[in-house]
């Protein structure tokens, strides 16, 4: 896999022991050495890396700032470091009150750029000077003001994501087999979810099955 990654990509690919040790830990107590690390400089390189790993059956582990405390960015697979180069703010639209960012964009960086318009990204984690938006999305991060602003999922309008196969989809327009599978789950368990899902304002564990029952994009 390493040879094919280096042959196909122009970005940095690391498999030396020092790099693998550096990427084997995060803010948790766990330590898992990866197979290799890729530092893509573009969406296209990220997609290529995922496709190569998928073809060879190697697990894919996206990584942001590694501030999580449950080992979510660790694993014996291919680490895709989104924080090094995929950190741009692509657009800020103050009139429609949205911003488009890459996954490695740091929360404080985004809020500094939106502050002149009187705007901010509401969820405010204690690690805001280094946490990435992509990481916040993956954990549904919240923060001390989440009772006012909601969690990350409440502040995200749309996500363009790369699936494990390398397929690119948008959360506003998921279709085909993915959409039908999600709809089938909703239809089968809708009554059980409505009856038994706990009515709590904020949570950071399990699946947000209650969101399936809400109107709007999946």
N, C-alpha and C. Protein backbone atom coordinates (compact mmCIF):
# COMPACT_ATOMS: atom_id res chain seq x y z
N UNK A 1 0.82 -1.20 0.00
CA UNK A 1 0.00 0.00 0.00
C UNK A 1 0.86 1.26 0.00
N UNK A 2 1.95 1.24 0.76
CA UNK A 2 2.81 2.42 0.87
C UNK A 2 3.35 2.81 -0.50
N UNK A 3 3.82 1.82 -1.24
CA UNK A 3 4.37 2.10 -2.57
C UNK A 3 3.33 2.70 -3.50
N UNK A 4 2.11 2.16 -3.45
CA UNK A 4 1.07 2.68 -4.33
C UNK A 4 0.66 4.09 -3.92
N UNK A 5 0.61 4.36 -2.62
CA UNK A 5 0.29 5.71 -2.16
C UNK A 5 1.32 6.71 -2.67
N UNK A 6 2.58 6.35 -2.53
CA UNK A 6 3.65 7.27 -2.96
C UNK A 6 3.69 7.42 -4.48
N UNK A 7 3.31 6.37 -5.17
CA UNK A 7 3.29 6.44 -6.63
C UNK A 7 2.13 7.29 -7.13
N UNK A 8 0.99 7.23 -6.43
CA UNK A 8 -0.23 7.89 -6.90
C UNK A 8 -0.38 9.32 -6.38
N UNK A 9 0.23 9.62 -5.22
CA UNK A 9 0.02 10.91 -4.58
C UNK A 9 1.29 11.75 -4.60
N UNK A 10 1.11 13.06 -4.66
CA UNK A 10 2.26 13.96 -4.57
C UNK A 10 2.46 14.47 -3.15
N UNK A 11 1.48 14.21 -2.28
CA UNK A 11 1.59 14.67 -0.89
C UNK A 11 2.48 13.74 -0.08
N UNK A 12 2.72 14.15 1.15
CA UNK A 12 3.61 13.40 2.03
C UNK A 12 2.94 12.12 2.53
N UNK A 13 3.67 11.02 2.45
CA UNK A 13 3.24 9.72 2.99
C UNK A 13 4.31 9.25 3.97
N UNK A 14 3.92 9.00 5.20
CA UNK A 14 4.88 8.63 6.24
C UNK A 14 4.64 7.20 6.73
N UNK A 15 5.70 6.44 6.84
CA UNK A 15 5.61 5.13 7.48
C UNK A 15 6.83 4.82 8.34
N UNK A 16 7.60 5.87 8.66
CA UNK A 16 8.76 5.68 9.53
C UNK A 16 8.29 5.51 10.97
N UNK A 17 9.12 4.91 11.79
CA UNK A 17 8.74 4.56 13.15
C UNK A 17 8.44 5.78 14.01
N UNK A 18 9.21 6.84 13.83
CA UNK A 18 8.98 8.05 14.64
C UNK A 18 7.59 8.62 14.35
N UNK A 19 7.23 8.73 13.07
CA UNK A 19 5.91 9.27 12.71
C UNK A 19 4.79 8.39 13.23
N UNK A 20 4.97 7.08 13.11
CA UNK A 20 3.92 6.17 13.59
C UNK A 20 3.74 6.27 15.10
N UNK A 21 4.83 6.51 15.82
CA UNK A 21 4.72 6.71 17.26
C UNK A 21 3.99 8.02 17.58
N UNK A 22 4.31 9.07 16.83
CA UNK A 22 3.67 10.36 17.05
C UNK A 22 2.16 10.30 16.81
N UNK A 23 1.76 9.50 15.84
CA UNK A 23 0.34 9.39 15.50
C UNK A 23 -0.36 8.24 16.21
N UNK A 24 0.31 7.62 17.16
CA UNK A 24 -0.28 6.47 17.86
C UNK A 24 -1.08 6.88 19.09
N UNK A 25 -1.10 8.17 19.42
CA UNK A 25 -1.81 8.62 20.62
C UNK A 25 -2.56 9.91 20.33
N UNK A 26 -3.53 10.19 21.20
CA UNK A 26 -4.26 11.46 21.17
C UNK A 26 -4.42 11.93 22.61
N UNK A 27 -5.51 12.59 22.94
CA UNK A 27 -5.70 13.06 24.32
C UNK A 27 -6.28 11.98 25.23
N UNK A 28 -6.44 10.77 24.70
CA UNK A 28 -6.95 9.66 25.50
C UNK A 28 -5.78 8.89 26.13
N UNK A 29 -6.11 7.80 26.81
CA UNK A 29 -5.08 6.97 27.44
C UNK A 29 -4.59 5.88 26.50
N UNK A 30 -5.15 5.81 25.28
CA UNK A 30 -4.85 4.71 24.38
C UNK A 30 -3.62 4.98 23.52
N UNK A 31 -3.05 3.91 23.03
CA UNK A 31 -1.87 4.00 22.15
C UNK A 31 -1.96 2.88 21.13
N UNK A 32 -2.21 3.23 19.88
CA UNK A 32 -2.34 2.25 18.80
C UNK A 32 -1.51 2.74 17.62
N UNK A 33 -0.56 1.95 17.22
CA UNK A 33 0.33 2.36 16.13
C UNK A 33 -0.33 2.15 14.78
N UNK A 34 -0.39 3.19 13.93
CA UNK A 34 -1.01 3.04 12.61
C UNK A 34 -0.09 2.34 11.63
N UNK A 35 -0.65 1.97 10.49
CA UNK A 35 0.15 1.37 9.42
C UNK A 35 0.96 2.44 8.70
N UNK A 36 0.32 3.58 8.45
CA UNK A 36 0.98 4.69 7.75
C UNK A 36 0.15 5.95 7.94
N UNK A 37 0.72 7.08 7.51
CA UNK A 37 0.05 8.37 7.63
C UNK A 37 0.14 9.09 6.29
N UNK A 38 -0.98 9.65 5.86
CA UNK A 38 -1.03 10.47 4.65
C UNK A 38 -1.44 11.88 5.04
N UNK A 39 -0.79 12.88 4.44
CA UNK A 39 -1.10 14.28 4.70
C UNK A 39 -1.57 14.94 3.40
N UNK A 40 -2.82 14.71 3.00
CA UNK A 40 -3.29 15.22 1.70
C UNK A 40 -3.33 16.74 1.66
N UNK A 41 -3.05 17.27 0.46
CA UNK A 41 -3.09 18.72 0.25
C UNK A 41 -4.34 19.16 -0.49
N UNK A 42 -5.16 18.21 -0.93
CA UNK A 42 -6.37 18.54 -1.67
C UNK A 42 -7.41 17.46 -1.46
N UNK A 43 -8.65 17.80 -1.80
CA UNK A 43 -9.73 16.82 -1.71
C UNK A 43 -9.45 15.63 -2.61
N UNK A 44 -8.88 15.90 -3.78
CA UNK A 44 -8.60 14.83 -4.73
C UNK A 44 -7.60 13.84 -4.16
N UNK A 45 -6.56 14.34 -3.48
CA UNK A 45 -5.58 13.43 -2.89
C UNK A 45 -6.19 12.64 -1.74
N UNK A 46 -7.05 13.27 -0.98
CA UNK A 46 -7.73 12.56 0.11
C UNK A 46 -8.56 11.41 -0.46
N UNK A 47 -9.30 11.69 -1.52
CA UNK A 47 -10.13 10.65 -2.15
C UNK A 47 -9.27 9.51 -2.67
N UNK A 48 -8.17 9.85 -3.32
CA UNK A 48 -7.27 8.82 -3.84
C UNK A 48 -6.73 7.94 -2.72
N UNK A 49 -6.34 8.54 -1.62
CA UNK A 49 -5.80 7.77 -0.49
C UNK A 49 -6.85 6.82 0.06
N UNK A 50 -8.08 7.29 0.18
CA UNK A 50 -9.17 6.44 0.68
C UNK A 50 -9.42 5.29 -0.29
N UNK A 51 -9.43 5.56 -1.56
CA UNK A 51 -9.68 4.52 -2.56
C UNK A 51 -8.60 3.45 -2.53
N UNK A 52 -7.35 3.86 -2.40
CA UNK A 52 -6.25 2.89 -2.35
C UNK A 52 -6.35 2.02 -1.11
N UNK A 53 -6.60 2.64 0.04
CA UNK A 53 -6.73 1.87 1.28
C UNK A 53 -7.93 0.93 1.22
N UNK A 54 -9.04 1.41 0.66
CA UNK A 54 -10.24 0.59 0.54
C UNK A 54 -9.99 -0.62 -0.33
N UNK A 55 -9.31 -0.41 -1.44
CA UNK A 55 -9.01 -1.50 -2.36
C UNK A 55 -8.18 -2.59 -1.70
N UNK A 56 -7.33 -2.21 -0.77
CA UNK A 56 -6.44 -3.16 -0.10
C UNK A 56 -6.98 -3.63 1.25
N UNK A 57 -8.18 -3.18 1.59
CA UNK A 57 -8.78 -3.63 2.84
C UNK A 57 -8.15 -3.05 4.09
N UNK A 58 -7.53 -1.88 3.96
CA UNK A 58 -6.88 -1.23 5.10
C UNK A 58 -7.85 -0.22 5.72
N UNK A 59 -8.09 -0.29 7.03
CA UNK A 59 -8.99 0.69 7.67
C UNK A 59 -8.49 2.12 7.50
N UNK A 60 -9.43 3.05 7.44
CA UNK A 60 -9.13 4.47 7.26
C UNK A 60 -9.50 5.22 8.53
N UNK A 61 -8.57 6.02 9.04
CA UNK A 61 -8.81 6.78 10.26
C UNK A 61 -8.54 8.26 9.99
N UNK A 62 -9.59 9.08 9.84
CA UNK A 62 -9.37 10.53 9.70
C UNK A 62 -8.85 11.11 11.01
N UNK A 63 -8.02 12.15 10.92
CA UNK A 63 -7.44 12.76 12.12
C UNK A 63 -7.44 14.27 11.98
N UNK A 64 -7.89 14.94 13.05
CA UNK A 64 -7.83 16.38 13.10
C UNK A 64 -6.75 16.82 14.06
N UNK A 65 -7.16 17.45 15.17
CA UNK A 65 -6.18 17.93 16.15
C UNK A 65 -5.87 16.90 17.23
N UNK A 66 -6.56 15.76 17.21
CA UNK A 66 -6.34 14.69 18.19
C UNK A 66 -6.62 15.14 19.61
N UNK A 67 -7.66 15.97 19.78
CA UNK A 67 -8.02 16.44 21.12
C UNK A 67 -9.05 15.54 21.79
N UNK A 68 -9.55 14.55 21.08
CA UNK A 68 -10.55 13.65 21.65
C UNK A 68 -9.98 12.79 22.75
N UNK A 69 -10.84 12.42 23.70
CA UNK A 69 -10.38 11.65 24.86
C UNK A 69 -10.85 10.20 24.83
N UNK A 70 -11.34 9.73 23.68
CA UNK A 70 -11.81 8.35 23.60
C UNK A 70 -11.08 7.55 22.50
N UNK A 71 -10.02 8.10 21.94
CA UNK A 71 -9.23 7.37 20.95
C UNK A 71 -9.86 7.29 19.58
N UNK A 72 -10.74 8.22 19.26
CA UNK A 72 -11.45 8.16 17.99
C UNK A 72 -10.59 8.30 16.75
N UNK A 73 -9.43 8.92 16.86
CA UNK A 73 -8.56 9.12 15.68
C UNK A 73 -7.39 8.14 15.67
N UNK A 74 -7.50 7.07 16.48
CA UNK A 74 -6.45 6.07 16.55
C UNK A 74 -6.91 4.77 15.90
N UNK A 75 -5.96 3.99 15.43
CA UNK A 75 -6.31 2.70 14.86
C UNK A 75 -5.17 2.11 14.06
N UNK A 76 -5.23 0.80 13.88
CA UNK A 76 -4.22 0.12 13.09
C UNK A 76 -4.66 0.15 11.63
N UNK A 77 -4.45 1.29 11.01
CA UNK A 77 -4.86 1.49 9.64
C UNK A 77 -4.14 2.68 9.05
N UNK A 78 -4.75 3.30 8.04
CA UNK A 78 -4.15 4.46 7.39
C UNK A 78 -4.72 5.73 8.01
N UNK A 79 -3.85 6.50 8.68
CA UNK A 79 -4.25 7.79 9.23
C UNK A 79 -4.26 8.82 8.10
N UNK A 80 -5.38 9.53 7.96
CA UNK A 80 -5.46 10.63 7.00
C UNK A 80 -5.50 11.92 7.80
N UNK A 81 -4.39 12.62 7.83
CA UNK A 81 -4.24 13.85 8.62
C UNK A 81 -4.85 15.02 7.85
N UNK A 82 -6.00 15.48 8.32
CA UNK A 82 -6.70 16.58 7.66
C UNK A 82 -6.32 17.94 8.22
N UNK A 83 -5.55 17.97 9.29
CA UNK A 83 -5.25 19.23 9.97
C UNK A 83 -4.08 19.99 9.36
N UNK A 84 -3.16 19.28 8.72
CA UNK A 84 -1.94 19.92 8.25
C UNK A 84 -2.17 20.87 7.08
N UNK A 85 -2.94 20.43 6.09
CA UNK A 85 -3.07 21.22 4.86
C UNK A 85 -4.52 21.54 4.49
N UNK A 86 -5.48 20.75 4.95
CA UNK A 86 -6.88 20.97 4.59
C UNK A 86 -7.56 21.81 5.66
N UNK A 87 -7.09 23.04 5.83
CA UNK A 87 -7.53 23.87 6.95
C UNK A 87 -8.07 25.23 6.52
N UNK A 88 -8.42 25.36 5.25
CA UNK A 88 -8.84 26.67 4.72
C UNK A 88 -10.29 27.01 5.05
N UNK A 89 -10.54 28.30 5.18
CA UNK A 89 -11.91 28.83 5.15
C UNK A 89 -12.19 29.18 3.70
N UNK A 90 -13.11 28.49 3.08
CA UNK A 90 -13.36 28.66 1.66
C UNK A 90 -14.26 29.85 1.38
N UNK A 91 -15.27 30.04 2.23
CA UNK A 91 -16.22 31.13 2.00
C UNK A 91 -16.90 31.51 3.31
N UNK A 92 -17.13 32.81 3.49
CA UNK A 92 -17.99 33.30 4.57
C UNK A 92 -19.08 34.15 3.93
N UNK A 93 -20.32 33.80 4.18
CA UNK A 93 -21.45 34.55 3.64
C UNK A 93 -22.22 35.16 4.80
N UNK A 94 -21.91 36.41 5.16
CA UNK A 94 -22.56 37.02 6.33
C UNK A 94 -24.04 37.29 6.12
N UNK A 95 -24.46 37.50 4.87
CA UNK A 95 -25.87 37.76 4.61
C UNK A 95 -26.72 36.52 4.91
N UNK A 96 -26.25 35.37 4.45
CA UNK A 96 -27.00 34.13 4.68
C UNK A 96 -26.49 33.38 5.91
N UNK A 97 -25.50 33.95 6.58
CA UNK A 97 -25.02 33.45 7.88
C UNK A 97 -24.51 32.01 7.80
N UNK A 98 -23.61 31.78 6.84
CA UNK A 98 -22.96 30.47 6.79
C UNK A 98 -21.52 30.63 6.35
N UNK A 99 -20.74 29.60 6.63
CA UNK A 99 -19.35 29.54 6.18
C UNK A 99 -19.09 28.16 5.62
N UNK A 100 -18.21 28.09 4.64
CA UNK A 100 -17.77 26.81 4.08
C UNK A 100 -16.30 26.65 4.44
N UNK A 101 -15.96 25.55 5.10
CA UNK A 101 -14.59 25.33 5.55
C UNK A 101 -14.13 23.92 5.21
N UNK A 102 -12.81 23.75 5.18
CA UNK A 102 -12.24 22.41 5.06
C UNK A 102 -12.21 21.75 6.44
N UNK A 103 -12.08 20.42 6.49
CA UNK A 103 -12.20 19.72 7.78
C UNK A 103 -11.15 20.11 8.81
N UNK A 104 -9.98 20.56 8.36
CA UNK A 104 -8.92 20.90 9.30
C UNK A 104 -8.95 22.32 9.80
N UNK A 105 -9.97 23.08 9.43
CA UNK A 105 -10.09 24.46 9.91
C UNK A 105 -10.25 24.48 11.42
N UNK A 106 -9.47 25.31 12.10
CA UNK A 106 -9.50 25.39 13.57
C UNK A 106 -10.65 26.31 14.00
N UNK A 107 -11.33 25.93 15.08
CA UNK A 107 -12.49 26.69 15.55
C UNK A 107 -12.17 28.16 15.80
N UNK A 108 -11.09 28.44 16.53
CA UNK A 108 -10.74 29.84 16.79
C UNK A 108 -10.44 30.60 15.51
N UNK A 109 -9.85 29.93 14.55
CA UNK A 109 -9.56 30.54 13.25
C UNK A 109 -10.86 30.95 12.56
N UNK A 110 -11.85 30.07 12.59
CA UNK A 110 -13.15 30.38 11.98
C UNK A 110 -13.83 31.53 12.70
N UNK A 111 -13.84 31.49 14.03
CA UNK A 111 -14.53 32.54 14.78
C UNK A 111 -13.84 33.89 14.66
N UNK A 112 -12.52 33.89 14.51
CA UNK A 112 -11.80 35.16 14.29
C UNK A 112 -12.19 35.76 12.94
N UNK A 113 -12.41 34.90 11.96
CA UNK A 113 -12.77 35.38 10.62
C UNK A 113 -14.22 35.85 10.54
N UNK A 114 -15.09 35.27 11.36
CA UNK A 114 -16.51 35.66 11.32
C UNK A 114 -16.86 36.77 12.30
N UNK A 115 -15.97 37.04 13.26
CA UNK A 115 -16.24 38.06 14.29
C UNK A 115 -16.55 39.44 13.72
N UNK A 116 -15.85 39.91 12.66
CA UNK A 116 -16.18 41.24 12.12
C UNK A 116 -17.62 41.37 11.64
N UNK A 117 -18.27 40.24 11.37
CA UNK A 117 -19.66 40.26 10.92
C UNK A 117 -20.64 40.03 12.08
N UNK A 118 -20.11 39.95 13.29
CA UNK A 118 -20.96 39.69 14.45
C UNK A 118 -21.46 38.27 14.51
N UNK A 119 -20.70 37.35 13.91
CA UNK A 119 -21.11 35.95 13.85
C UNK A 119 -20.08 35.07 14.54
N UNK A 120 -20.52 33.88 14.92
CA UNK A 120 -19.59 32.88 15.46
C UNK A 120 -20.17 31.51 15.24
N UNK A 121 -19.31 30.50 15.31
CA UNK A 121 -19.76 29.11 15.30
C UNK A 121 -20.01 28.74 16.75
N UNK A 122 -21.27 28.53 17.11
CA UNK A 122 -21.70 28.46 18.50
C UNK A 122 -20.99 27.48 19.42
N UNK A 123 -20.88 26.20 19.05
CA UNK A 123 -20.23 25.25 19.96
C UNK A 123 -18.82 25.70 20.31
N UNK A 124 -18.52 25.81 21.59
CA UNK A 124 -17.21 26.37 22.00
C UNK A 124 -16.51 25.40 22.95
N UNK A 125 -15.75 24.50 22.39
CA UNK A 125 -15.04 23.52 23.21
C UNK A 125 -13.88 24.20 23.96
N UNK A 126 -13.41 23.54 25.00
CA UNK A 126 -12.29 24.09 25.78
C UNK A 126 -10.99 24.04 25.00
N UNK A 127 -10.98 23.30 23.89
CA UNK A 127 -9.77 23.18 23.05
C UNK A 127 -9.92 24.00 21.77
N UNK A 128 -10.64 25.11 21.84
CA UNK A 128 -11.00 25.86 20.64
C UNK A 128 -9.81 26.41 19.87
N UNK A 129 -8.66 26.55 20.52
CA UNK A 129 -7.49 27.10 19.83
C UNK A 129 -6.79 26.07 18.95
N UNK A 130 -7.26 24.83 18.97
CA UNK A 130 -6.65 23.79 18.14
C UNK A 130 -7.64 22.78 17.57
N UNK A 131 -8.83 22.68 18.16
CA UNK A 131 -9.80 21.69 17.67
C UNK A 131 -10.23 22.04 16.25
N UNK A 132 -10.42 21.03 15.41
CA UNK A 132 -10.81 21.26 14.02
C UNK A 132 -12.32 21.07 13.86
N UNK A 133 -12.87 21.73 12.85
CA UNK A 133 -14.30 21.61 12.59
C UNK A 133 -14.64 20.17 12.21
N UNK A 134 -13.78 19.53 11.43
CA UNK A 134 -14.03 18.13 11.07
C UNK A 134 -14.09 17.23 12.29
N UNK A 135 -13.20 17.46 13.24
CA UNK A 135 -13.22 16.69 14.47
C UNK A 135 -14.47 16.97 15.28
N UNK A 136 -14.90 18.22 15.31
CA UNK A 136 -16.12 18.58 16.03
C UNK A 136 -17.34 17.89 15.43
N UNK A 137 -17.37 17.82 14.11
CA UNK A 137 -18.48 17.14 13.44
C UNK A 137 -18.48 15.66 13.80
N UNK A 138 -17.31 15.05 13.82
CA UNK A 138 -17.23 13.60 14.08
C UNK A 138 -17.66 13.23 15.48
N UNK A 139 -17.52 14.14 16.44
CA UNK A 139 -17.88 13.84 17.83
C UNK A 139 -19.13 14.58 18.28
N UNK A 140 -19.71 15.39 17.39
CA UNK A 140 -20.84 16.26 17.75
C UNK A 140 -20.47 17.09 18.98
N UNK A 141 -19.34 17.77 18.89
CA UNK A 141 -18.82 18.55 20.02
C UNK A 141 -19.79 19.65 20.43
N UNK A 142 -19.69 20.05 21.69
CA UNK A 142 -20.64 21.04 22.20
C UNK A 142 -19.91 22.20 22.87
N UNK A 143 -19.70 22.12 24.19
CA UNK A 143 -19.06 23.22 24.89
C UNK A 143 -20.00 23.84 25.90
N UNK A 144 -19.49 24.80 26.65
CA UNK A 144 -20.24 25.37 27.77
C UNK A 144 -21.46 26.17 27.35
N UNK A 145 -21.51 26.64 26.11
CA UNK A 145 -22.66 27.43 25.66
C UNK A 145 -23.62 26.62 24.78
N UNK A 146 -23.52 25.30 24.85
CA UNK A 146 -24.35 24.47 23.97
C UNK A 146 -25.83 24.56 24.31
N UNK A 147 -26.17 24.90 25.55
CA UNK A 147 -27.58 25.07 25.90
C UNK A 147 -28.19 26.25 25.15
N UNK A 148 -27.35 27.21 24.79
CA UNK A 148 -27.81 28.37 24.02
C UNK A 148 -27.69 28.13 22.52
N UNK A 149 -26.52 27.65 22.09
CA UNK A 149 -26.23 27.53 20.66
C UNK A 149 -26.47 26.14 20.09
N UNK A 150 -26.64 25.13 20.96
CA UNK A 150 -26.78 23.77 20.48
C UNK A 150 -25.43 23.11 20.26
N UNK A 151 -25.45 21.86 19.85
CA UNK A 151 -24.22 21.12 19.58
C UNK A 151 -23.81 21.34 18.13
N UNK A 152 -22.72 20.69 17.73
CA UNK A 152 -22.24 20.88 16.36
C UNK A 152 -23.29 20.48 15.34
N UNK A 153 -23.98 19.37 15.57
CA UNK A 153 -24.97 18.93 14.58
C UNK A 153 -26.09 19.96 14.37
N UNK A 154 -26.34 20.77 15.38
CA UNK A 154 -27.37 21.81 15.25
C UNK A 154 -26.89 23.00 14.44
N UNK A 155 -25.60 23.08 14.16
CA UNK A 155 -25.02 24.23 13.48
C UNK A 155 -24.43 23.90 12.12
N UNK A 156 -24.62 22.66 11.67
CA UNK A 156 -24.10 22.24 10.37
C UNK A 156 -25.24 22.16 9.37
N UNK A 157 -25.10 22.86 8.25
CA UNK A 157 -26.13 22.88 7.22
C UNK A 157 -25.93 21.76 6.21
N UNK A 158 -24.69 21.48 5.87
CA UNK A 158 -24.41 20.49 4.83
C UNK A 158 -22.99 19.98 4.99
N UNK A 159 -22.80 18.72 4.66
CA UNK A 159 -21.46 18.12 4.70
C UNK A 159 -21.19 17.42 3.38
N UNK A 160 -20.03 17.67 2.83
CA UNK A 160 -19.53 16.87 1.72
C UNK A 160 -18.57 15.86 2.32
N UNK A 161 -18.88 14.58 2.17
CA UNK A 161 -18.06 13.58 2.83
C UNK A 161 -17.60 12.51 1.86
N UNK A 162 -16.46 11.93 2.21
CA UNK A 162 -15.88 10.84 1.44
C UNK A 162 -16.16 9.55 2.20
N UNK A 163 -16.89 8.65 1.57
CA UNK A 163 -17.20 7.37 2.21
C UNK A 163 -15.98 6.46 2.18
N UNK A 164 -16.08 5.35 2.89
CA UNK A 164 -14.96 4.42 2.97
C UNK A 164 -14.56 3.83 1.63
N UNK A 165 -15.47 3.87 0.66
CA UNK A 165 -15.18 3.36 -0.68
C UNK A 165 -14.49 4.39 -1.56
N UNK A 166 -14.48 5.65 -1.09
CA UNK A 166 -13.94 6.73 -1.90
C UNK A 166 -15.03 7.52 -2.61
N UNK A 167 -16.28 7.06 -2.48
CA UNK A 167 -17.42 7.78 -3.07
C UNK A 167 -17.65 9.08 -2.32
N UNK A 168 -17.93 10.15 -3.05
CA UNK A 168 -18.18 11.46 -2.46
C UNK A 168 -19.67 11.75 -2.49
N UNK A 169 -20.24 12.10 -1.33
CA UNK A 169 -21.66 12.41 -1.25
C UNK A 169 -21.85 13.70 -0.45
N UNK A 170 -23.00 14.31 -0.62
CA UNK A 170 -23.38 15.49 0.16
C UNK A 170 -24.55 15.13 1.05
N UNK A 171 -24.50 15.59 2.29
CA UNK A 171 -25.55 15.23 3.24
C UNK A 171 -26.91 15.80 2.86
N UNK A 172 -26.92 16.88 2.08
CA UNK A 172 -28.19 17.47 1.65
C UNK A 172 -28.86 16.63 0.58
N UNK A 173 -28.09 15.79 -0.08
CA UNK A 173 -28.64 15.08 -1.24
C UNK A 173 -28.19 13.63 -1.30
N UNK A 174 -28.11 12.98 -0.13
CA UNK A 174 -27.76 11.56 -0.13
C UNK A 174 -28.86 10.79 -0.84
N UNK A 175 -28.47 10.00 -1.82
CA UNK A 175 -29.49 9.25 -2.56
C UNK A 175 -29.04 7.81 -2.76
N UNK A 176 -29.75 7.12 -3.62
CA UNK A 176 -29.38 5.77 -3.95
C UNK A 176 -29.48 4.82 -2.77
N UNK A 177 -28.57 3.85 -2.72
CA UNK A 177 -28.66 2.78 -1.72
C UNK A 177 -28.54 3.30 -0.30
N UNK A 178 -27.72 4.34 -0.09
CA UNK A 178 -27.57 4.88 1.26
C UNK A 178 -28.88 5.45 1.78
N UNK A 179 -29.52 6.25 0.96
CA UNK A 179 -30.78 6.87 1.39
C UNK A 179 -31.84 5.82 1.68
N UNK A 180 -31.94 4.82 0.81
CA UNK A 180 -32.97 3.79 0.99
C UNK A 180 -32.71 2.96 2.24
N UNK A 181 -31.44 2.70 2.55
CA UNK A 181 -31.13 1.96 3.77
C UNK A 181 -31.52 2.76 5.01
N UNK A 182 -31.24 4.05 4.99
CA UNK A 182 -31.60 4.89 6.13
C UNK A 182 -33.12 4.99 6.27
N UNK A 183 -33.81 5.14 5.15
CA UNK A 183 -35.27 5.21 5.19
C UNK A 183 -35.87 3.90 5.70
N UNK A 184 -35.26 2.77 5.34
CA UNK A 184 -35.76 1.47 5.80
C UNK A 184 -35.63 1.35 7.32
N UNK A 185 -34.51 1.82 7.85
CA UNK A 185 -34.31 1.81 9.31
C UNK A 185 -35.36 2.68 9.98
N UNK A 186 -35.58 3.85 9.41
CA UNK A 186 -36.57 4.78 9.97
C UNK A 186 -37.96 4.16 10.00
N UNK A 187 -38.37 3.56 8.89
CA UNK A 187 -39.71 2.98 8.81
C UNK A 187 -39.88 1.81 9.78
N UNK A 188 -38.83 1.00 9.93
CA UNK A 188 -38.94 -0.18 10.78
C UNK A 188 -38.98 0.17 12.27
N UNK A 189 -38.21 1.18 12.66
CA UNK A 189 -38.06 1.46 14.09
C UNK A 189 -38.64 2.80 14.53
N UNK A 190 -39.39 3.46 13.68
CA UNK A 190 -39.88 4.81 13.98
C UNK A 190 -40.68 4.85 15.29
N UNK A 191 -41.59 3.92 15.48
CA UNK A 191 -42.43 3.93 16.69
C UNK A 191 -41.60 3.67 17.94
N UNK A 192 -40.66 2.73 17.85
CA UNK A 192 -39.81 2.41 19.00
C UNK A 192 -38.93 3.60 19.38
N UNK A 193 -38.39 4.27 18.37
CA UNK A 193 -37.54 5.44 18.65
C UNK A 193 -38.35 6.54 19.33
N UNK A 194 -39.53 6.80 18.79
CA UNK A 194 -40.38 7.86 19.35
C UNK A 194 -40.80 7.55 20.77
N UNK A 195 -41.03 6.26 21.06
CA UNK A 195 -41.53 5.88 22.37
C UNK A 195 -40.44 5.78 23.43
N UNK A 196 -39.25 5.36 23.04
CA UNK A 196 -38.25 4.99 24.04
C UNK A 196 -36.98 5.84 24.04
N UNK A 197 -36.78 6.67 23.01
CA UNK A 197 -35.54 7.43 22.99
C UNK A 197 -35.57 8.49 24.09
N UNK A 198 -34.52 8.62 24.89
CA UNK A 198 -34.54 9.56 26.02
C UNK A 198 -34.67 11.01 25.56
N UNK A 199 -35.46 11.77 26.29
CA UNK A 199 -35.70 13.18 25.97
C UNK A 199 -34.70 14.04 26.74
N UNK A 200 -33.50 14.14 26.23
CA UNK A 200 -32.47 14.95 26.87
C UNK A 200 -31.95 15.98 25.88
N UNK A 201 -31.50 17.12 26.41
CA UNK A 201 -31.11 18.22 25.52
C UNK A 201 -29.75 17.98 24.88
N UNK A 202 -28.84 17.43 25.62
CA UNK A 202 -27.48 17.28 25.11
C UNK A 202 -26.93 15.91 25.46
N UNK A 203 -26.29 15.27 24.50
CA UNK A 203 -25.67 13.98 24.75
C UNK A 203 -24.45 13.85 23.85
N UNK A 204 -23.54 12.98 24.24
CA UNK A 204 -22.31 12.81 23.45
C UNK A 204 -21.96 11.34 23.29
N UNK A 205 -22.97 10.49 23.30
CA UNK A 205 -22.71 9.06 23.14
C UNK A 205 -23.85 8.42 22.36
N UNK A 206 -23.57 7.30 21.73
CA UNK A 206 -24.59 6.58 20.99
C UNK A 206 -24.95 7.25 19.68
N UNK A 207 -25.96 6.72 19.03
CA UNK A 207 -26.43 7.25 17.75
C UNK A 207 -27.62 8.18 17.97
N UNK A 208 -27.67 9.26 17.23
CA UNK A 208 -28.78 10.22 17.36
C UNK A 208 -29.96 9.73 16.52
N UNK A 209 -30.54 8.62 16.96
CA UNK A 209 -31.62 8.02 16.19
C UNK A 209 -32.85 8.92 16.13
N UNK A 210 -33.04 9.76 17.14
CA UNK A 210 -34.20 10.64 17.14
C UNK A 210 -34.16 11.64 15.99
N UNK A 211 -32.96 11.93 15.49
CA UNK A 211 -32.82 12.87 14.38
C UNK A 211 -33.45 12.29 13.11
N UNK A 212 -33.50 10.96 13.01
CA UNK A 212 -34.12 10.32 11.85
C UNK A 212 -35.59 10.72 11.71
N UNK A 213 -36.23 11.01 12.83
CA UNK A 213 -37.66 11.32 12.82
C UNK A 213 -37.94 12.78 12.47
N UNK A 214 -36.91 13.60 12.41
CA UNK A 214 -37.10 15.01 12.13
C UNK A 214 -37.18 15.26 10.63
N UNK A 215 -37.90 16.30 10.26
CA UNK A 215 -37.95 16.70 8.86
C UNK A 215 -36.63 17.35 8.46
N UNK A 216 -36.32 17.29 7.17
CA UNK A 216 -35.09 17.91 6.69
C UNK A 216 -34.12 16.88 6.17
N UNK A 217 -32.95 17.33 5.72
CA UNK A 217 -31.96 16.42 5.14
C UNK A 217 -31.40 15.47 6.17
N UNK A 218 -30.98 14.31 5.72
CA UNK A 218 -30.38 13.32 6.61
C UNK A 218 -28.94 13.69 6.88
